[in-house]
Amino acid sequence: MAKKDRYQQLDAAVQALLARPAGRASQRRLQGNAQLAALVRLAEDLRGLPRIEFREQLKKEMLMSTAPAPQTAAISSKEAVKLRTVTPYIVALKALELVEFYKHAFGALVNVQGKGSAGGYHIEVELGDSMLMVGGGGEFRGPELPTALWYFVEDTDTVYRRALDLGATSISEPVDQPYGDREAGIKDLGGNTWYISTHRGARYIREGLTTVTPYLHPRSGAQQIDFLERAFQAQVLERHDDPDGAVRHALLRMGESRIALGEARGPYQPMPTMFYLNVDGVDSWYQRAVEAGATPMHAPASQPYGARVGAVKDPFDNQWWISEPAARPPDPRKVER
């Protein structure tokens, strides 16, 4: 039998501790692991406290403290993940806590962390080959904007179990799907939905996809697709409709990125999302989105940090912050003398 990982060891020891009278028997489960044994001794000393909520919180904090503490990408030897055409931007009142969850549950790397113009944090994290932006917290008091994300991992069961241990809520347990993926669903501390998948193929990530892909649940899949085609030159790569015409699943290409969607039904309801759209020629993209039916939020304008940015809200309340990178300084070798 394969050796249990330390999350399983600690969980088994804590469950035994809570189920039996005080003693040192549970520590024998952790022989050879002084760090986990010390944590269980602490829990054993506190086991008499009456509130089960406190015990669960203690267990969660113990698990968090034993999870690997990843380095930030800024001091990592690996090259930072590049910014693709479309990047999901989550807004949460507990932004810092949410990022800590991503670090310990998913092994995310923090690439950038600073303060935004609204007083909240702006944080960029890497998950595999993908980037995710998180804003809010601090002095920010605006509305939260959770979203749904399709997340490919090497072992769905392990990531699902670890996420639940760290405070996530289960939506669906791991199951093998007929289309070749093992999938599970969770809701994180900020209300975001994660479809955790492992593809049964040559790679655990489906061909043509990346580690993280945004997943929309609009009221009308056909109308959402039509808007993305007209506004942002999206191309439909895959589309499966139900007999009644509802879009069950679709996959679209937008530049270097992919967006998936499935029409709202049952527990899968709309979650209006914020996106950072990285393009050339922001003014033309902004104008085309408005002509396709988007509502203007901010006309394109040059920002103090150099980029030119405009924003629109599409007919399904998704926000699109369209950004053109700061112009590069001229090459001195090509300047006429």
C-alpha atoms as a PDB file:
ATOM      1  CA  MET A   1       0.000   0.000   0.000  1.00  0.00           C
ATOM      2  CA  ALA A   2       1.333   3.435  -0.879  1.00  0.00           C
ATOM      3  CA  LYS A   3       2.491   5.557   1.986  1.00  0.00           C
ATOM      4  CA  LYS A   4      -0.181   8.065   3.042  1.00  0.00           C
ATOM      5  CA  ASP A   5       0.612  11.730   2.455  1.00  0.00           C
ATOM      6  CA  ARG A   6       0.852  13.992   5.500  1.00  0.00           C
ATOM      7  CA  TYR A   7      -2.651  15.402   5.025  1.00  0.00           C
ATOM      8  CA  GLN A   8      -4.092  11.890   5.327  1.00  0.00           C
ATOM      9  CA  GLN A   9      -1.844  11.107   8.308  1.00  0.00           C
ATOM     10  CA  LEU A  10      -2.822  14.256  10.161  1.00  0.00           C
ATOM     11  CA  ASP A  11      -6.514  13.857   9.365  1.00  0.00           C
ATOM     12  CA  ALA A  12      -6.520  10.262  10.646  1.00  0.00           C
ATOM     13  CA  ALA A  13      -4.731  11.302  13.831  1.00  0.00           C
ATOM     14  CA  VAL A  14      -7.086  14.211  14.532  1.00  0.00           C
ATOM     15  CA  GLN A  15     -10.183  12.061  13.908  1.00  0.00           C
ATOM     16  CA  ALA A  16      -8.849   9.424  16.310  1.00  0.00           C
ATOM     17  CA  LEU A  17      -8.074  12.115  18.857  1.00  0.00           C
ATOM     18  CA  LEU A  18     -11.596  13.559  18.750  1.00  0.00           C
ATOM     19  CA  ALA A  19     -13.213  10.127  18.929  1.00  0.00           C
ATOM     20  CA  ARG A  20     -11.309   8.659  21.893  1.00  0.00           C
ATOM     21  CA  PRO A  21     -10.348   9.786  25.389  1.00  0.00           C
ATOM     22  CA  ALA A  22      -7.144  11.739  25.798  1.00  0.00           C
ATOM     23  CA  GLY A  23      -3.995   9.726  25.390  1.00  0.00           C
ATOM     24  CA  ARG A  24      -0.934   9.406  23.261  1.00  0.00           C
ATOM     25  CA  ALA A  25      -2.154   6.604  21.012  1.00  0.00           C
ATOM     26  CA  SER A  26      -2.933   8.984  18.150  1.00  0.00           C
ATOM     27  CA  GLN A  27       0.673  10.156  18.106  1.00  0.00           C
ATOM     28  CA  ARG A  28       1.885   6.683  17.244  1.00  0.00           C
ATOM     29  CA  ARG A  29       0.224   7.181  13.872  1.00  0.00           C
ATOM     30  CA  LEU A  30       2.749   9.944  13.207  1.00  0.00           C
ATOM     31  CA  GLN A  31       5.961   8.204  14.211  1.00  0.00           C
ATOM     32  CA  GLY A  32       8.857   9.662  12.291  1.00  0.00           C
ATOM     33  CA  ASN A  33       7.144  13.007  11.665  1.00  0.00           C
ATOM     34  CA  ALA A  34       8.002  15.320  14.545  1.00  0.00           C
ATOM     35  CA  GLN A  35       6.199  18.334  13.072  1.00  0.00           C
ATOM     36  CA  LEU A  36       2.835  16.606  12.790  1.00  0.00           C
ATOM     37  CA  ALA A  37       3.255  14.889  16.151  1.00  0.00           C
ATOM     38  CA  ALA A  38       3.784  18.260  17.833  1.00  0.00           C
ATOM     39  CA  LEU A  39       0.593  19.604  16.290  1.00  0.00           C
ATOM     40  CA  VAL A  40      -1.399  16.597  17.487  1.00  0.00           C
ATOM     41  CA  ARG A  41      -0.022  17.052  21.032  1.00  0.00           C
ATOM     42  CA  LEU A  42      -1.321  20.630  20.936  1.00  0.00           C
ATOM     43  CA  ALA A  43      -4.727  19.452  19.752  1.00  0.00           C
ATOM     44  CA  GLU A  44      -4.783  16.762  22.452  1.00  0.00           C
ATOM     45  CA  ASP A  45      -4.161  19.350  25.133  1.00  0.00           C
ATOM     46  CA  LEU A  46      -7.115  21.417  23.847  1.00  0.00           C
ATOM     47  CA  ARG A  47      -9.505  18.558  23.087  1.00  0.00           C
ATOM     48  CA  GLY A  48     -11.631  19.253  26.149  1.00  0.00           C
ATOM     49  CA  LEU A  49     -12.945  22.515  24.736  1.00  0.00           C
ATOM     50  CA  PRO A  50     -16.685  22.043  24.145  1.00  0.00           C
ATOM     51  CA  ARG A  51     -17.328  23.810  20.814  1.00  0.00           C
ATOM     52  CA  ILE A  52     -17.091  21.526  17.763  1.00  0.00           C
ATOM     53  CA  GLU A  53     -16.699  24.663  15.590  1.00  0.00           C
ATOM     54  CA  PHE A  54     -13.471  25.471  17.426  1.00  0.00           C
ATOM     55  CA  ARG A  55     -12.180  21.967  16.887  1.00  0.00           C
ATOM     56  CA  GLU A  56     -12.900  22.149  13.174  1.00  0.00           C
ATOM     57  CA  GLN A  57     -11.190  25.539  12.929  1.00  0.00           C
ATOM     58  CA  LEU A  58      -8.195  24.174  14.821  1.00  0.00           C
ATOM     59  CA  LYS A  59      -7.974  21.235  12.456  1.00  0.00           C
ATOM     60  CA  LYS A  60      -8.142  23.580   9.454  1.00  0.00           C
ATOM     61  CA  GLU A  61      -5.364  25.791  10.825  1.00  0.00           C
ATOM     62  CA  MET A  62      -3.224  22.768  11.618  1.00  0.00           C
ATOM     63  CA  LEU A  63      -3.626  21.518   8.049  1.00  0.00           C
ATOM     64  CA  MET A  64      -2.795  24.964   6.675  1.00  0.00           C
ATOM     65  CA  SER A  65       0.363  25.127   8.768  1.00  0.00           C
ATOM     66  CA  THR A  66       1.590  21.778   7.452  1.00  0.00           C
ATOM     67  CA  ALA A  67       0.900  22.542   3.789  1.00  0.00           C
ATOM     68  CA  PRO A  68       3.925  23.583   1.751  1.00  0.00           C
ATOM     69  CA  ALA A  69       4.536  27.320   1.812  1.00  0.00           C
ATOM     70  CA  PRO A  70       5.309  28.126  -1.822  1.00  0.00           C
ATOM     71  CA  GLN A  71       7.759  30.865  -2.700  1.00  0.00           C
ATOM     72  CA  THR A  72       6.501  33.868  -4.587  1.00  0.00           C
ATOM     73  CA  ALA A  73       7.290  33.845  -8.266  1.00  0.00           C
ATOM     74  CA  ALA A  74       9.307  37.019  -7.765  1.00  0.00           C
ATOM     75  CA  ILE A  75      11.990  35.029  -5.952  1.00  0.00           C
ATOM     76  CA  SER A  76      11.436  31.764  -7.764  1.00  0.00           C
ATOM     77  CA  SER A  77      13.929  30.543 -10.329  1.00  0.00           C
ATOM     78  CA  LYS A  78      11.123  29.743 -12.792  1.00  0.00           C
ATOM     79  CA  GLU A  79      10.010  32.241 -15.396  1.00  0.00           C
ATOM     80  CA  ALA A  80       6.757  34.001 -14.533  1.00  0.00           C
ATOM     81  CA  VAL A  81       3.659  32.918 -16.464  1.00  0.00           C
ATOM     82  CA  LYS A  82       2.985  35.343 -19.276  1.00  0.00           C
ATOM     83  CA  LEU A  83      -0.232  37.346 -19.521  1.00  0.00           C
ATOM     84  CA  ARG A  84      -2.532  35.757 -22.106  1.00  0.00           C
ATOM     85  CA  THR A  85      -5.416  37.395 -23.960  1.00  0.00           C
ATOM     86  CA  VAL A  86      -8.033  36.673 -21.269  1.00  0.00           C
ATOM     87  CA  THR A  87      -7.376  36.542 -17.521  1.00  0.00           C
ATOM     88  CA  PRO A  88     -10.170  35.992 -14.937  1.00  0.00           C
ATOM     89  CA  TYR A  89     -10.267  38.655 -12.216  1.00  0.00           C
ATOM     90  CA  ILE A  90     -11.901  37.547  -8.940  1.00  0.00           C
ATOM     91  CA  VAL A  91     -13.091  40.248  -6.528  1.00  0.00           C
ATOM     92  CA  ALA A  92     -13.421  39.172  -2.877  1.00  0.00           C
ATOM     93  CA  LEU A  93     -13.754  41.024   0.419  1.00  0.00           C
ATOM     94  CA  LYS A  94     -11.324  38.527   1.976  1.00  0.00           C
ATOM     95  CA  ALA A  95      -8.815  38.654  -0.852  1.00  0.00           C
ATOM     96  CA  LEU A  96      -5.753  37.837   1.258  1.00  0.00           C
ATOM     97  CA  GLU A  97      -7.422  34.833   2.909  1.00  0.00           C
ATOM     98  CA  LEU A  98      -8.550  33.599  -0.498  1.00  0.00           C
ATOM     99  CA  VAL A  99      -5.021  33.786  -1.897  1.00  0.00           C
ATOM    100  CA  GLU A 100      -3.703  31.887   1.139  1.00  0.00           C
ATOM    101  CA  PHE A 101      -6.262  29.178   0.359  1.00  0.00           C
ATOM    102  CA  TYR A 102      -5.046  29.000  -3.250  1.00  0.00           C
ATOM    103  CA  LYS A 103      -1.444  28.726  -2.084  1.00  0.00           C
ATOM    104  CA  HIS A 104      -2.071  25.840   0.293  1.00  0.00           C
ATOM    105  CA  ALA A 105      -4.922  24.034  -1.482  1.00  0.00           C
ATOM    106  CA  PHE A 106      -3.658  24.405  -5.051  1.00  0.00           C
ATOM    107  CA  GLY A 107       0.046  25.245  -4.682  1.00  0.00           C
ATOM    108  CA  ALA A 108      -0.408  28.678  -6.277  1.00  0.00           C
ATOM    109  CA  LEU A 109       2.517  31.095  -6.552  1.00  0.00           C
ATOM    110  CA  VAL A 110       2.075  34.797  -5.813  1.00  0.00           C
ATOM    111  CA  ASN A 111       3.559  36.785  -8.663  1.00  0.00           C
ATOM    112  CA  VAL A 112       2.403  40.349  -7.846  1.00  0.00           C
ATOM    113  CA  GLN A 113       0.812  41.867  -4.750  1.00  0.00           C
ATOM    114  CA  GLY A 114       0.005  45.540  -4.283  1.00  0.00           C
ATOM    115  CA  LYS A 115      -2.779  48.004  -3.578  1.00  0.00           C
ATOM    116  CA  GLY A 116      -5.393  48.984  -6.170  1.00  0.00           C
ATOM    117  CA  SER A 117      -6.985  52.373  -6.797  1.00  0.00           C
ATOM    118  CA  ALA A 118     -10.122  51.458  -4.786  1.00  0.00           C
ATOM    119  CA  GLY A 119      -8.102  50.736  -1.648  1.00  0.00           C
ATOM    120  CA  GLY A 120      -8.142  46.974  -2.028  1.00  0.00           C
ATOM    121  CA  TYR A 121      -5.388  44.574  -2.974  1.00  0.00           C
ATOM    122  CA  HIS A 122      -4.368  43.609  -6.491  1.00  0.00           C
ATOM    123  CA  ILE A 123      -2.811  40.144  -6.500  1.00  0.00           C
ATOM    124  CA  GLU A 124      -1.681  38.010  -9.412  1.00  0.00           C
ATOM    125  CA  VAL A 125      -1.215  34.296  -8.791  1.00  0.00           C
ATOM    126  CA  GLU A 126       0.092  31.498 -10.976  1.00  0.00           C
ATOM    127  CA  LEU A 127      -1.590  28.120 -11.166  1.00  0.00           C
ATOM    128  CA  GLY A 128       0.439  25.848 -13.414  1.00  0.00           C
ATOM    129  CA  ASP A 129       0.732  27.610 -16.761  1.00  0.00           C
ATOM    130  CA  SER A 130      -2.112  30.055 -16.034  1.00  0.00           C
ATOM    131  CA  MET A 131      -2.576  33.377 -14.278  1.00  0.00           C
ATOM    132  CA  LEU A 132      -5.455  34.431 -12.042  1.00  0.00           C
ATOM    133  CA  MET A 133      -6.004  37.951 -10.701  1.00  0.00           C
ATOM    134  CA  VAL A 134      -7.586  38.562  -7.286  1.00  0.00           C
ATOM    135  CA  GLY A 135      -8.736  41.961  -6.049  1.00  0.00           C
ATOM    136  CA  GLY A 136     -10.493  43.348  -2.982  1.00  0.00           C
ATOM    137  CA  GLY A 137      -9.860  43.202   0.739  1.00  0.00           C
ATOM    138  CA  GLY A 138      -8.212  46.073   2.585  1.00  0.00           C
ATOM    139  CA  GLU A 139     -10.356  49.218   2.315  1.00  0.00           C
ATOM    140  CA  PHE A 140     -12.396  47.882  -0.616  1.00  0.00           C
ATOM    141  CA  ARG A 141     -16.147  47.829   0.101  1.00  0.00           C
ATOM    142  CA  GLY A 142     -17.572  47.116  -3.341  1.00  0.00           C
ATOM    143  CA  PRO A 143     -19.510  44.024  -4.447  1.00  0.00           C
ATOM    144  CA  GLU A 144     -17.777  40.674  -4.693  1.00  0.00           C
ATOM    145  CA  LEU A 145     -17.445  39.062  -8.125  1.00  0.00           C
ATOM    146  CA  PRO A 146     -16.970  35.287  -7.808  1.00  0.00           C
ATOM    147  CA  THR A 147     -16.705  33.103 -10.894  1.00  0.00           C
ATOM    148  CA  ALA A 148     -16.472  29.520 -12.121  1.00  0.00           C
ATOM    149  CA  LEU A 149     -13.161  28.000 -13.237  1.00  0.00           C
ATOM    150  CA  TRP A 150     -12.195  24.748 -14.955  1.00  0.00           C
ATOM    151  CA  TYR A 151      -9.019  23.559 -13.232  1.00  0.00           C
ATOM    152  CA  PHE A 152      -6.848  20.682 -14.483  1.00  0.00           C
ATOM    153  CA  VAL A 153      -4.664  18.840 -11.959  1.00  0.00           C
ATOM    154  CA  GLU A 154      -2.645  15.627 -11.873  1.00  0.00           C
ATOM    155  CA  ASP A 155      -4.826  14.002  -9.187  1.00  0.00           C
ATOM    156  CA  THR A 156      -8.406  15.223  -8.781  1.00  0.00           C
ATOM    157  CA  ASP A 157      -9.061  13.181  -5.624  1.00  0.00           C
ATOM    158  CA  THR A 158      -6.064  14.573  -3.726  1.00  0.00           C
ATOM    159  CA  VAL A 159      -6.747  18.208  -4.633  1.00  0.00           C
ATOM    160  CA  TYR A 160     -10.470  17.840  -3.891  1.00  0.00           C
ATOM    161  CA  ARG A 161      -9.801  16.317  -0.456  1.00  0.00           C
ATOM    162  CA  ARG A 162      -7.188  18.931   0.440  1.00  0.00           C
ATOM    163  CA  ALA A 163      -9.492  21.797  -0.591  1.00  0.00           C
ATOM    164  CA  LEU A 164     -12.267  20.465   1.659  1.00  0.00           C
ATOM    165  CA  ASP A 165      -9.834  20.064   4.561  1.00  0.00           C
ATOM    166  CA  LEU A 166      -8.904  23.741   4.154  1.00  0.00           C
ATOM    167  CA  GLY A 167     -12.484  25.014   4.277  1.00  0.00           C
ATOM    168  CA  ALA A 168     -13.960  24.583   0.783  1.00  0.00           C
ATOM    169  CA  THR A 169     -17.486  23.226   0.291  1.00  0.00           C
ATOM    170  CA  SER A 170     -18.181  20.186  -1.866  1.00  0.00           C
ATOM    171  CA  ILE A 171     -20.405  20.578  -4.911  1.00  0.00           C
ATOM    172  CA  SER A 172     -19.763  17.117  -6.379  1.00  0.00           C
ATOM    173  CA  GLU A 173     -17.484  14.258  -5.367  1.00  0.00           C
ATOM    174  CA  PRO A 174     -14.835  12.898  -7.764  1.00  0.00           C
ATOM    175  CA  VAL A 175     -16.358  10.784 -10.533  1.00  0.00           C
ATOM    176  CA  ASP A 176     -15.186   9.370 -13.873  1.00  0.00           C
ATOM    177  CA  GLN A 177     -17.002  11.047 -16.765  1.00  0.00           C
ATOM    178  CA  PRO A 178     -17.793   9.343 -20.078  1.00  0.00           C
ATOM    179  CA  TYR A 179     -15.821  12.008 -21.965  1.00  0.00           C
ATOM    180  CA  GLY A 180     -12.529  10.942 -20.385  1.00  0.00           C
ATOM    181  CA  ASP A 181     -12.084  13.207 -17.352  1.00  0.00           C
ATOM    182  CA  ARG A 182     -12.217  12.484 -13.637  1.00  0.00           C
ATOM    183  CA  GLU A 183     -14.008  15.483 -12.160  1.00  0.00           C
ATOM    184  CA  ALA A 184     -15.074  16.976  -8.852  1.00  0.00           C
ATOM    185  CA  GLY A 185     -16.590  20.319  -7.882  1.00  0.00           C
ATOM    186  CA  ILE A 186     -15.946  22.645  -4.938  1.00  0.00           C
ATOM    187  CA  LYS A 187     -16.863  26.134  -3.831  1.00  0.00           C
ATOM    188  CA  ASP A 188     -13.977  28.067  -2.282  1.00  0.00           C
ATOM    189  CA  LEU A 189     -13.938  30.546   0.621  1.00  0.00           C
ATOM    190  CA  GLY A 190     -14.933  33.409  -1.699  1.00  0.00           C
ATOM    191  CA  GLY A 191     -17.851  31.611  -3.330  1.00  0.00           C
ATOM    192  CA  ASN A 192     -15.955  30.725  -6.516  1.00  0.00           C
ATOM    193  CA  THR A 193     -16.760  27.412  -8.197  1.00  0.00           C
ATOM    194  CA  TRP A 194     -13.893  25.141  -9.229  1.00  0.00           C
ATOM    195  CA  TYR A 195     -14.429  22.214 -11.602  1.00  0.00           C
ATOM    196  CA  ILE A 196     -11.365  20.111 -10.717  1.00  0.00           C
ATOM    197  CA  SER A 197     -10.459  17.726 -13.534  1.00  0.00           C
ATOM    198  CA  THR A 198      -7.861  15.163 -14.502  1.00  0.00           C
ATOM    199  CA  HIS A 199      -7.895  14.168 -18.169  1.00  0.00           C
ATOM    200  CA  ARG A 200      -7.348  10.474 -18.891  1.00  0.00           C
ATOM    201  CA  GLY A 201      -4.978  10.887 -21.802  1.00  0.00           C
ATOM    202  CA  ALA A 202      -1.355  11.462 -22.689  1.00  0.00           C
ATOM    203  CA  ARG A 203      -1.481  14.582 -20.470  1.00  0.00           C
ATOM    204  CA  TYR A 204      -3.678  15.351 -17.475  1.00  0.00           C
ATOM    205  CA  ILE A 205      -4.658  18.622 -19.205  1.00  0.00           C
ATOM    206  CA  ARG A 206      -6.900  18.329 -22.233  1.00  0.00           C
ATOM    207  CA  GLU A 207      -5.242  19.032 -25.556  1.00  0.00           C
ATOM    208  CA  GLY A 208      -5.477  22.729 -26.421  1.00  0.00           C
ATOM    209  CA  LEU A 209      -6.389  23.856 -22.890  1.00  0.00           C
ATOM    210  CA  THR A 210      -4.360  25.319 -20.037  1.00  0.00           C
ATOM    211  CA  THR A 211      -4.343  24.705 -16.286  1.00  0.00           C
ATOM    212  CA  VAL A 212      -7.196  27.171 -15.654  1.00  0.00           C
ATOM    213  CA  THR A 213     -10.037  28.069 -18.047  1.00  0.00           C
ATOM    214  CA  PRO A 214     -12.924  30.413 -17.113  1.00  0.00           C
ATOM    215  CA  TYR A 215     -16.351  28.759 -17.296  1.00  0.00           C
ATOM    216  CA  LEU A 216     -19.471  30.893 -17.841  1.00  0.00           C
ATOM    217  CA  HIS A 217     -23.089  29.909 -17.104  1.00  0.00           C
ATOM    218  CA  PRO A 218     -25.205  32.475 -19.022  1.00  0.00           C
ATOM    219  CA  ARG A 219     -28.983  32.439 -19.277  1.00  0.00           C
ATOM    220  CA  SER A 220     -28.641  32.054 -23.033  1.00  0.00           C
ATOM    221  CA  GLY A 221     -25.545  30.281 -24.277  1.00  0.00           C
ATOM    222  CA  ALA A 222     -26.293  31.121 -27.922  1.00  0.00           C
ATOM    223  CA  GLN A 223     -26.576  34.850 -27.198  1.00  0.00           C
ATOM    224  CA  GLN A 224     -23.417  34.862 -25.074  1.00  0.00           C
ATOM    225  CA  ILE A 225     -21.521  33.146 -27.895  1.00  0.00           C
ATOM    226  CA  ASP A 226     -22.912  35.615 -30.433  1.00  0.00           C
ATOM    227  CA  PHE A 227     -21.712  38.561 -28.335  1.00  0.00           C
ATOM    228  CA  LEU A 228     -18.210  37.118 -27.886  1.00  0.00           C
ATOM    229  CA  GLU A 229     -17.935  36.470 -31.619  1.00  0.00           C
ATOM    230  CA  ARG A 230     -19.000  39.992 -32.622  1.00  0.00           C
ATOM    231  CA  ALA A 231     -17.290  41.926 -29.819  1.00  0.00           C
ATOM    232  CA  PHE A 232     -14.025  40.046 -29.314  1.00  0.00           C
ATOM    233  CA  GLN A 233     -13.602  37.941 -32.470  1.00  0.00           C
ATOM    234  CA  ALA A 234     -14.103  34.697 -30.534  1.00  0.00           C
ATOM    235  CA  GLN A 235     -14.089  31.437 -32.512  1.00  0.00           C
ATOM    236  CA  VAL A 236     -16.212  28.431 -31.531  1.00  0.00           C
ATOM    237  CA  LEU A 237     -14.011  25.351 -31.231  1.00  0.00           C
ATOM    238  CA  GLU A 238     -16.609  23.002 -29.772  1.00  0.00           C
ATOM    239  CA  ARG A 239     -20.361  23.221 -29.169  1.00  0.00           C
ATOM    240  CA  HIS A 240     -22.894  20.681 -27.891  1.00  0.00           C
ATOM    241  CA  ASP A 241     -26.584  21.628 -27.717  1.00  0.00           C
ATOM    242  CA  ASP A 242     -29.428  19.888 -25.888  1.00  0.00           C
ATOM    243  CA  PRO A 243     -32.535  18.839 -27.874  1.00  0.00           C
ATOM    244  CA  ASP A 244     -34.295  22.024 -26.700  1.00  0.00           C
ATOM    245  CA  GLY A 245     -31.514  24.176 -28.157  1.00  0.00           C
ATOM    246  CA  ALA A 246     -29.789  25.056 -24.887  1.00  0.00           C
ATOM    247  CA  VAL A 247     -26.008  25.058 -25.060  1.00  0.00           C
ATOM    248  CA  ARG A 248     -24.848  22.254 -22.787  1.00  0.00           C
ATOM    249  CA  HIS A 249     -21.143  22.890 -23.358  1.00  0.00           C
ATOM    250  CA  ALA A 250     -19.103  25.101 -25.664  1.00  0.00           C
ATOM    251  CA  LEU A 251     -15.447  26.004 -25.954  1.00  0.00           C
ATOM    252  CA  LEU A 252     -14.297  29.237 -27.597  1.00  0.00           C
ATOM    253  CA  ARG A 253     -10.921  30.618 -28.611  1.00  0.00           C
ATOM    254  CA  MET A 254     -10.114  34.260 -27.846  1.00  0.00           C
ATOM    255  CA  GLY A 255      -6.585  35.023 -28.969  1.00  0.00           C
ATOM    256  CA  GLU A 256      -4.247  32.804 -26.956  1.00  0.00           C
ATOM    257  CA  SER A 257      -6.983  31.955 -24.431  1.00  0.00           C
ATOM    258  CA  ARG A 258      -9.998  29.653 -24.173  1.00  0.00           C
ATOM    259  CA  ILE A 259     -13.384  30.286 -22.545  1.00  0.00           C
ATOM    260  CA  ALA A 260     -15.853  27.498 -21.783  1.00  0.00           C
ATOM    261  CA  LEU A 261     -19.562  27.906 -21.140  1.00  0.00           C
ATOM    262  CA  GLY A 262     -22.640  25.880 -20.357  1.00  0.00           C
ATOM    263  CA  GLU A 263     -26.116  27.346 -20.150  1.00  0.00           C
ATOM    264  CA  ALA A 264     -27.454  27.992 -16.643  1.00  0.00           C
ATOM    265  CA  ARG A 265     -29.448  25.087 -15.235  1.00  0.00           C
ATOM    266  CA  GLY A 266     -30.073  23.506 -11.830  1.00  0.00           C
ATOM    267  CA  PRO A 267     -27.268  24.378  -9.401  1.00  0.00           C
ATOM    268  CA  TYR A 268     -25.188  25.947 -12.192  1.00  0.00           C
ATOM    269  CA  GLN A 269     -26.478  29.501 -12.225  1.00  0.00           C
ATOM    270  CA  PRO A 270     -25.010  32.700 -13.730  1.00  0.00           C
ATOM    271  CA  MET A 271     -21.940  34.119 -12.016  1.00  0.00           C
ATOM    272  CA  PRO A 272     -21.131  37.433 -13.724  1.00  0.00           C
ATOM    273  CA  THR A 273     -17.373  37.599 -14.002  1.00  0.00           C
ATOM    274  CA  MET A 274     -14.671  40.234 -14.384  1.00  0.00           C
ATOM    275  CA  PHE A 275     -12.078  39.702 -17.102  1.00  0.00           C
ATOM    276  CA  TYR A 276      -8.815  41.411 -17.958  1.00  0.00           C
ATOM    277  CA  LEU A 277      -8.548  41.470 -21.766  1.00  0.00           C
ATOM    278  CA  ASN A 278      -5.024  42.057 -23.081  1.00  0.00           C
ATOM    279  CA  VAL A 279      -5.113  43.387 -26.674  1.00  0.00           C
ATOM    280  CA  ASP A 280      -3.491  45.637 -29.232  1.00  0.00           C
ATOM    281  CA  GLY A 281      -5.564  48.677 -30.217  1.00  0.00           C
ATOM    282  CA  VAL A 282      -7.810  49.026 -27.153  1.00  0.00           C
ATOM    283  CA  ASP A 283      -9.971  51.774 -28.700  1.00  0.00           C
ATOM    284  CA  SER A 284     -11.135  49.620 -31.605  1.00  0.00           C
ATOM    285  CA  TRP A 285     -11.842  46.655 -29.322  1.00  0.00           C
ATOM    286  CA  TYR A 286     -13.818  48.900 -26.955  1.00  0.00           C
ATOM    287  CA  GLN A 287     -15.865  50.369 -29.812  1.00  0.00           C
ATOM    288  CA  ARG A 288     -16.618  46.969 -31.322  1.00  0.00           C
ATOM    289  CA  ALA A 289     -17.827  45.660 -27.928  1.00  0.00           C
ATOM    290  CA  VAL A 290     -20.196  48.636 -27.538  1.00  0.00           C
ATOM    291  CA  GLU A 291     -21.547  48.095 -31.060  1.00  0.00           C
ATOM    292  CA  ALA A 292     -22.133  44.417 -30.186  1.00  0.00           C
ATOM    293  CA  GLY A 293     -24.381  45.427 -27.263  1.00  0.00           C
ATOM    294  CA  ALA A 294     -22.043  46.056 -24.329  1.00  0.00           C
ATOM    295  CA  THR A 295     -22.683  48.912 -21.906  1.00  0.00           C
ATOM    296  CA  PRO A 296     -19.814  51.415 -21.593  1.00  0.00           C
ATOM    297  CA  MET A 297     -18.257  51.586 -18.123  1.00  0.00           C
ATOM    298  CA  HIS A 298     -15.060  53.570 -18.733  1.00  0.00           C
ATOM    299  CA  ALA A 299     -13.910  55.016 -22.043  1.00  0.00           C
ATOM    300  CA  PRO A 300     -10.336  54.086 -22.981  1.00  0.00           C
ATOM    301  CA  ALA A 301      -7.811  56.281 -21.185  1.00  0.00           C
ATOM    302  CA  SER A 302      -4.094  56.198 -20.482  1.00  0.00           C
ATOM    303  CA  GLN A 303      -3.300  55.120 -16.924  1.00  0.00           C
ATOM    304  CA  PRO A 304      -0.465  56.308 -14.638  1.00  0.00           C
ATOM    305  CA  TYR A 305       1.168  52.876 -14.904  1.00  0.00           C
ATOM    306  CA  GLY A 306       1.411  53.288 -18.690  1.00  0.00           C
ATOM    307  CA  ALA A 307      -1.350  51.047 -20.064  1.00  0.00           C
ATOM    308  CA  ARG A 308      -4.378  52.338 -21.953  1.00  0.00           C
ATOM    309  CA  VAL A 309      -7.543  50.810 -20.470  1.00  0.00           C
ATOM    310  CA  GLY A 310     -11.283  50.889 -21.180  1.00  0.00           C
ATOM    311  CA  ALA A 311     -14.124  48.864 -19.647  1.00  0.00           C
ATOM    312  CA  VAL A 312     -17.525  47.556 -20.747  1.00  0.00           C
ATOM    313  CA  LYS A 313     -20.252  45.340 -19.297  1.00  0.00           C
ATOM    314  CA  ASP A 314     -21.696  42.745 -21.661  1.00  0.00           C
ATOM    315  CA  PRO A 315     -25.440  41.863 -21.859  1.00  0.00           C
ATOM    316  CA  PHE A 316     -24.884  39.117 -19.260  1.00  0.00           C
ATOM    317  CA  ASP A 317     -23.245  41.481 -16.704  1.00  0.00           C
ATOM    318  CA  ASN A 318     -19.706  40.227 -17.267  1.00  0.00           C
ATOM    319  CA  GLN A 319     -17.172  43.056 -16.977  1.00  0.00           C
ATOM    320  CA  TRP A 320     -14.404  43.315 -19.569  1.00  0.00           C
ATOM    321  CA  TRP A 321     -11.432  45.536 -18.707  1.00  0.00           C
ATOM    322  CA  ILE A 322      -9.781  45.974 -22.085  1.00  0.00           C
ATOM    323  CA  SER A 323      -6.129  46.873 -21.774  1.00  0.00           C
ATOM    324  CA  GLU A 324      -3.360  47.722 -24.183  1.00  0.00           C
ATOM    325  CA  PRO A 325       0.132  47.340 -22.683  1.00  0.00           C
ATOM    326  CA  ALA A 326       2.260  50.414 -22.258  1.00  0.00           C
ATOM    327  CA  ALA A 327       4.084  51.401 -25.422  1.00  0.00           C
ATOM    328  CA  ARG A 328       7.666  50.228 -25.518  1.00  0.00           C
ATOM    329  CA  PRO A 329      10.331  52.952 -25.575  1.00  0.00           C
ATOM    330  CA  PRO A 330      11.927  53.428 -28.988  1.00  0.00           C
ATOM    331  CA  ASP A 331      14.994  51.374 -29.803  1.00  0.00           C
ATOM    332  CA  PRO A 332      17.891  53.893 -29.648  1.00  0.00           C
ATOM    333  CA  ARG A 333      19.602  52.028 -32.480  1.00  0.00           C
ATOM    334  CA  LYS A 334      16.706  52.956 -34.809  1.00  0.00           C
ATOM    335  CA  VAL A 335      16.333  56.608 -33.867  1.00  0.00           C
ATOM    336  CA  GLU A 336      17.332  58.921 -36.710  1.00  0.00           C
ATOM    337  CA  ARG A 337      20.213  61.228 -35.813  1.00  0.00           C
END
